[in-house]
N, C-alpha and C. Protein backbone atom coordinates (compact mmCIF):
# COMPACT_ATOMS: atom_id res chain seq x y z
N MET A 1 -4.63 -5.68 -125.14
CA MET A 1 -5.19 -4.55 -124.76
C MET A 1 -6.26 -4.20 -125.92
N ALA A 2 -7.43 -3.67 -125.61
CA ALA A 2 -8.46 -3.50 -126.57
C ALA A 2 -8.48 -2.00 -126.89
N THR A 3 -8.92 -1.58 -128.05
CA THR A 3 -8.98 -0.15 -128.41
C THR A 3 -10.42 0.29 -128.53
N ILE A 4 -10.78 1.30 -127.91
CA ILE A 4 -12.07 1.91 -127.97
C ILE A 4 -12.08 3.24 -128.95
N PHE A 5 -13.03 3.32 -129.90
CA PHE A 5 -13.13 4.24 -130.82
C PHE A 5 -14.31 5.07 -130.52
N GLN A 6 -14.16 6.35 -130.32
CA GLN A 6 -15.34 7.17 -129.92
C GLN A 6 -15.33 8.34 -130.90
N THR A 7 -16.48 8.76 -131.51
CA THR A 7 -16.71 9.83 -132.39
C THR A 7 -17.35 11.03 -131.69
N THR A 8 -16.65 12.25 -131.69
CA THR A 8 -17.07 13.37 -131.10
C THR A 8 -17.70 14.14 -132.23
N GLU A 9 -18.89 14.63 -132.17
CA GLU A 9 -19.59 15.45 -133.25
C GLU A 9 -19.14 16.83 -133.24
N SER A 10 -18.72 17.50 -134.21
CA SER A 10 -18.32 18.93 -134.30
C SER A 10 -19.49 19.73 -134.81
N SER A 11 -19.75 20.96 -134.16
CA SER A 11 -20.77 21.73 -134.56
C SER A 11 -20.12 22.80 -135.63
N MET A 12 -18.96 22.74 -135.95
CA MET A 12 -18.25 23.71 -136.83
C MET A 12 -18.71 23.38 -138.24
N ALA A 13 -18.85 24.51 -139.10
CA ALA A 13 -19.20 24.32 -140.52
C ALA A 13 -17.84 23.92 -141.19
N ILE A 14 -18.02 22.97 -142.20
CA ILE A 14 -16.88 22.61 -143.01
C ILE A 14 -17.16 22.69 -144.42
N ARG A 15 -15.96 22.85 -145.19
CA ARG A 15 -16.03 22.75 -146.65
C ARG A 15 -15.23 21.55 -147.11
N VAL A 16 -15.80 20.87 -148.00
CA VAL A 16 -15.06 19.64 -148.41
C VAL A 16 -14.79 19.72 -149.91
N ALA A 17 -13.59 19.37 -150.37
CA ALA A 17 -13.28 19.25 -151.79
C ALA A 17 -13.39 17.70 -152.22
N LEU A 18 -13.99 17.48 -153.24
CA LEU A 18 -14.13 16.05 -153.59
C LEU A 18 -14.01 15.80 -155.02
N ILE A 19 -13.78 14.57 -155.46
CA ILE A 19 -13.52 14.11 -156.78
C ILE A 19 -14.75 13.17 -157.04
N ILE A 20 -15.43 13.40 -158.18
CA ILE A 20 -16.34 12.40 -158.58
C ILE A 20 -15.68 11.67 -159.85
N GLU A 21 -15.70 10.26 -159.73
CA GLU A 21 -15.05 9.56 -160.64
C GLU A 21 -15.83 8.19 -160.82
N ALA A 22 -16.16 7.94 -162.06
CA ALA A 22 -16.98 6.56 -162.35
C ALA A 22 -18.27 6.42 -161.41
N GLY A 23 -18.90 7.51 -161.24
CA GLY A 23 -20.07 7.60 -160.34
C GLY A 23 -20.07 7.44 -158.80
N HIS A 24 -18.70 7.59 -158.33
CA HIS A 24 -18.38 7.58 -157.04
C HIS A 24 -17.67 8.97 -156.59
N ILE A 25 -18.04 9.32 -155.39
CA ILE A 25 -17.34 10.46 -154.70
C ILE A 25 -16.31 10.15 -153.90
N LYS A 26 -15.25 10.89 -153.93
CA LYS A 26 -14.11 10.71 -152.98
C LYS A 26 -13.69 11.98 -152.40
N PRO A 27 -13.75 12.31 -151.00
CA PRO A 27 -13.32 13.51 -150.42
C PRO A 27 -11.81 13.60 -150.57
N VAL A 28 -11.29 14.73 -150.87
CA VAL A 28 -9.81 15.00 -151.11
C VAL A 28 -9.29 15.87 -149.80
N TRP A 29 -9.96 16.89 -149.45
CA TRP A 29 -9.59 17.61 -148.33
C TRP A 29 -10.78 18.28 -147.66
N PHE A 30 -10.62 18.81 -146.45
CA PHE A 30 -11.71 19.49 -145.85
C PHE A 30 -11.09 20.62 -144.98
N GLU A 31 -11.84 21.64 -144.63
CA GLU A 31 -11.41 22.75 -143.70
C GLU A 31 -12.51 23.28 -143.05
N GLN A 32 -12.33 23.83 -141.80
CA GLN A 32 -13.40 24.38 -141.08
C GLN A 32 -13.50 25.84 -141.50
N THR A 33 -14.66 26.15 -141.86
CA THR A 33 -14.97 27.54 -142.52
C THR A 33 -15.11 28.61 -141.43
N ASP A 34 -15.50 28.31 -140.22
CA ASP A 34 -15.64 29.26 -139.24
C ASP A 34 -14.46 29.67 -138.38
N LYS A 35 -13.17 29.19 -138.95
CA LYS A 35 -12.06 29.55 -138.26
C LYS A 35 -11.29 30.53 -139.16
N ARG A 36 -10.64 31.49 -138.58
CA ARG A 36 -10.07 32.58 -139.33
C ARG A 36 -8.93 32.00 -140.12
N ALA A 37 -8.08 31.26 -139.59
CA ALA A 37 -6.94 30.57 -140.40
C ALA A 37 -7.47 29.22 -140.80
N ARG A 38 -7.93 29.02 -142.05
CA ARG A 38 -8.34 27.81 -142.43
C ARG A 38 -7.23 26.77 -142.80
N ASP A 39 -7.02 25.84 -142.00
CA ASP A 39 -6.08 24.89 -142.27
C ASP A 39 -6.77 23.74 -142.88
N ARG A 40 -6.29 23.38 -144.10
CA ARG A 40 -6.84 22.29 -144.82
C ARG A 40 -6.32 20.98 -144.36
N ILE A 41 -7.13 20.06 -144.20
CA ILE A 41 -6.69 18.71 -143.88
C ILE A 41 -6.78 17.82 -145.01
N PHE A 42 -5.65 17.52 -145.45
CA PHE A 42 -5.66 16.59 -146.72
C PHE A 42 -5.90 15.20 -146.40
N ILE A 43 -6.73 14.44 -146.99
CA ILE A 43 -7.16 13.20 -146.67
C ILE A 43 -6.11 12.08 -147.22
N LYS A 44 -5.56 11.44 -146.28
CA LYS A 44 -4.58 10.38 -146.83
C LYS A 44 -5.24 9.12 -147.20
N GLU A 45 -6.30 8.67 -146.45
CA GLU A 45 -7.01 7.43 -146.77
C GLU A 45 -8.45 7.51 -146.53
N VAL A 46 -9.19 6.99 -147.33
CA VAL A 46 -10.61 6.72 -147.05
C VAL A 46 -10.75 5.19 -146.72
N SER A 47 -11.05 4.95 -145.52
CA SER A 47 -11.00 3.53 -145.10
C SER A 47 -12.30 2.86 -145.17
N SER A 48 -13.33 3.63 -145.10
CA SER A 48 -14.73 2.99 -145.49
C SER A 48 -15.64 4.03 -145.82
N VAL A 49 -16.82 3.62 -146.48
CA VAL A 49 -17.81 4.43 -146.84
C VAL A 49 -19.15 3.54 -146.54
N TRP A 50 -20.09 4.25 -146.00
CA TRP A 50 -21.38 3.68 -145.75
C TRP A 50 -22.54 4.75 -145.65
N SER A 51 -23.81 4.32 -145.81
CA SER A 51 -24.91 5.22 -145.80
C SER A 51 -25.93 4.69 -144.99
N HIS A 52 -26.82 5.76 -144.57
CA HIS A 52 -27.98 5.44 -143.84
C HIS A 52 -29.06 6.50 -144.06
N TYR A 53 -30.11 6.36 -143.51
CA TYR A 53 -31.20 7.38 -143.79
C TYR A 53 -31.49 8.02 -142.47
N GLN A 54 -31.65 9.43 -142.46
CA GLN A 54 -32.13 10.14 -141.39
C GLN A 54 -33.38 10.81 -141.92
N GLY A 55 -34.49 10.16 -141.47
CA GLY A 55 -35.84 10.51 -142.11
C GLY A 55 -35.83 10.18 -143.52
N CYS A 56 -36.17 11.06 -144.34
CA CYS A 56 -36.03 10.84 -145.84
C CYS A 56 -34.79 11.12 -146.39
N ASP A 57 -33.85 11.73 -145.59
CA ASP A 57 -32.52 12.13 -146.28
C ASP A 57 -31.50 11.01 -146.17
N LYS A 58 -30.85 10.88 -147.32
CA LYS A 58 -29.76 9.81 -147.24
C LYS A 58 -28.49 10.49 -146.86
N ILE A 59 -27.86 9.89 -145.87
CA ILE A 59 -26.59 10.39 -145.41
C ILE A 59 -25.49 9.48 -145.76
N VAL A 60 -24.35 9.86 -146.59
CA VAL A 60 -23.23 9.09 -146.82
C VAL A 60 -22.08 9.55 -146.04
N ASN A 61 -21.52 8.46 -145.34
CA ASN A 61 -20.47 8.65 -144.41
C ASN A 61 -19.08 8.17 -145.03
N PHE A 62 -18.07 8.96 -144.71
CA PHE A 62 -16.67 8.54 -145.09
C PHE A 62 -15.85 8.47 -143.82
N ALA A 63 -15.24 7.36 -143.43
CA ALA A 63 -14.21 7.25 -142.50
C ALA A 63 -12.97 7.61 -143.13
N VAL A 64 -12.33 8.61 -142.62
CA VAL A 64 -11.02 9.08 -143.34
C VAL A 64 -9.91 9.38 -142.30
N SER A 65 -8.71 9.50 -142.78
CA SER A 65 -7.62 9.74 -142.07
C SER A 65 -6.72 10.86 -142.64
N GLY A 66 -6.17 11.77 -141.88
CA GLY A 66 -5.29 12.73 -142.40
C GLY A 66 -4.83 13.67 -141.34
N ALA A 67 -3.60 14.13 -141.41
CA ALA A 67 -3.05 15.01 -140.49
C ALA A 67 -2.79 14.42 -139.11
N GLY A 68 -2.59 12.98 -139.25
CA GLY A 68 -2.41 12.27 -137.85
C GLY A 68 -3.60 11.89 -137.07
N SER A 69 -4.74 12.04 -137.70
CA SER A 69 -5.99 11.90 -136.89
C SER A 69 -7.10 11.20 -137.85
N SER A 70 -8.12 10.74 -137.12
CA SER A 70 -9.14 10.03 -138.02
C SER A 70 -10.37 10.89 -137.71
N TYR A 71 -11.18 10.93 -138.85
CA TYR A 71 -12.45 11.72 -138.86
C TYR A 71 -13.50 10.94 -139.51
N ARG A 72 -14.84 11.32 -139.42
CA ARG A 72 -15.93 10.85 -140.16
C ARG A 72 -16.63 12.07 -140.79
N LEU A 73 -16.64 12.05 -142.10
CA LEU A 73 -17.22 13.13 -142.88
C LEU A 73 -18.65 12.58 -143.33
N SER A 74 -19.71 13.36 -143.06
CA SER A 74 -21.05 12.89 -143.40
C SER A 74 -21.76 13.93 -144.27
N LEU A 75 -22.11 13.49 -145.52
CA LEU A 75 -22.81 14.24 -146.53
C LEU A 75 -24.24 13.88 -146.40
N ASN A 76 -25.07 14.92 -146.21
CA ASN A 76 -26.47 14.89 -146.43
C ASN A 76 -26.83 15.24 -147.82
N THR A 77 -27.32 14.17 -148.62
CA THR A 77 -27.43 14.11 -149.96
C THR A 77 -28.71 15.06 -150.48
N ALA A 78 -29.53 15.29 -149.56
CA ALA A 78 -30.80 16.06 -149.88
C ALA A 78 -30.54 17.56 -149.74
N GLU A 79 -29.66 17.87 -148.58
CA GLU A 79 -29.30 19.33 -148.37
C GLU A 79 -28.02 19.72 -148.91
N PHE A 80 -27.17 18.72 -149.36
CA PHE A 80 -25.77 18.92 -149.62
C PHE A 80 -25.08 19.63 -148.61
N THR A 81 -25.08 19.14 -147.36
CA THR A 81 -24.41 19.77 -146.20
C THR A 81 -23.59 18.69 -145.66
N TRP A 82 -22.37 19.11 -145.04
CA TRP A 82 -21.53 18.16 -144.50
C TRP A 82 -21.43 18.40 -142.89
N GLU A 83 -21.25 17.21 -142.28
CA GLU A 83 -20.88 17.24 -140.78
C GLU A 83 -19.55 16.59 -140.53
N LEU A 84 -18.92 17.05 -139.50
CA LEU A 84 -17.63 16.49 -139.19
C LEU A 84 -17.74 15.74 -137.84
N GLY A 85 -17.08 14.54 -137.74
CA GLY A 85 -17.00 13.87 -136.56
C GLY A 85 -15.44 13.50 -136.35
N VAL A 86 -15.06 13.78 -135.11
CA VAL A 86 -13.59 13.50 -134.86
C VAL A 86 -13.49 12.25 -134.08
N VAL A 87 -12.78 11.32 -134.47
CA VAL A 87 -12.65 9.89 -133.98
C VAL A 87 -11.47 9.95 -133.11
N GLU A 88 -11.74 9.54 -131.69
CA GLU A 88 -10.76 9.55 -130.73
C GLU A 88 -10.47 8.02 -130.46
N GLU A 89 -9.32 7.68 -130.29
CA GLU A 89 -8.88 6.33 -129.86
C GLU A 89 -8.35 6.38 -128.41
N SER A 90 -8.69 5.27 -127.76
CA SER A 90 -8.10 5.26 -126.35
C SER A 90 -7.94 3.82 -125.94
N ALA A 91 -6.90 3.37 -125.40
CA ALA A 91 -6.67 2.00 -124.94
C ALA A 91 -7.50 1.62 -123.80
N PHE A 92 -7.93 0.26 -123.83
CA PHE A 92 -8.76 -0.23 -122.75
C PHE A 92 -8.21 -1.47 -122.44
N PRO A 93 -7.75 -1.54 -121.12
CA PRO A 93 -7.27 -2.93 -120.68
C PRO A 93 -8.24 -3.99 -120.82
N SER A 94 -7.91 -5.13 -121.20
CA SER A 94 -8.85 -6.29 -121.16
C SER A 94 -8.61 -7.06 -119.85
N PRO A 95 -9.61 -7.64 -119.44
CA PRO A 95 -9.65 -8.36 -118.02
C PRO A 95 -8.58 -9.32 -118.02
N THR A 96 -8.05 -9.96 -119.09
CA THR A 96 -6.94 -10.99 -118.91
C THR A 96 -5.58 -10.40 -118.70
N SER A 97 -5.48 -9.07 -119.10
CA SER A 97 -4.21 -8.42 -119.02
C SER A 97 -3.96 -7.94 -117.51
N ASN A 98 -5.04 -7.65 -116.84
CA ASN A 98 -5.00 -7.23 -115.42
C ASN A 98 -5.39 -8.19 -114.48
N ARG A 99 -4.67 -9.36 -114.32
CA ARG A 99 -5.13 -10.49 -113.47
C ARG A 99 -5.25 -10.00 -112.08
N GLY A 100 -4.51 -9.03 -111.61
CA GLY A 100 -4.52 -8.63 -110.28
C GLY A 100 -5.80 -7.94 -109.79
N TYR A 101 -6.50 -7.49 -110.73
CA TYR A 101 -7.78 -6.73 -110.48
C TYR A 101 -8.96 -7.76 -110.32
N TYR A 102 -8.81 -8.93 -110.80
CA TYR A 102 -9.99 -9.84 -110.96
C TYR A 102 -9.64 -10.97 -110.01
N ARG A 103 -10.53 -11.39 -109.25
CA ARG A 103 -10.29 -12.61 -108.40
C ARG A 103 -11.32 -13.60 -108.67
N ASP A 104 -11.03 -14.78 -108.67
CA ASP A 104 -12.07 -15.91 -108.79
C ASP A 104 -12.56 -16.19 -107.42
N SER A 105 -13.94 -16.27 -107.30
CA SER A 105 -14.47 -16.59 -106.14
C SER A 105 -14.11 -17.97 -105.67
N GLU A 106 -13.90 -18.16 -104.40
CA GLU A 106 -13.57 -19.61 -103.86
C GLU A 106 -14.85 -20.30 -103.20
């Protein structure tokens, strides 16, 4: 069975705490600032870091997990703003696991 990962962009404003160590940044926790009760989500693991450009702005992305979910935190290094993406996982059956649905033509 295959797994599909889909990221849903959130329009909520977030605040991120991070550590700068040896020239690298590492997010520690984040919270949504437009919620009345701000629940901090502590980051358990940073699984990957990558960057891309959006026009002239460099965007640094962090694939993180915490509180039983996966997220993508994106830092716009020109504006110093953060965006949150929530990663959803769903199982997708492969064609070989559902042999009854597929027939070979004779």
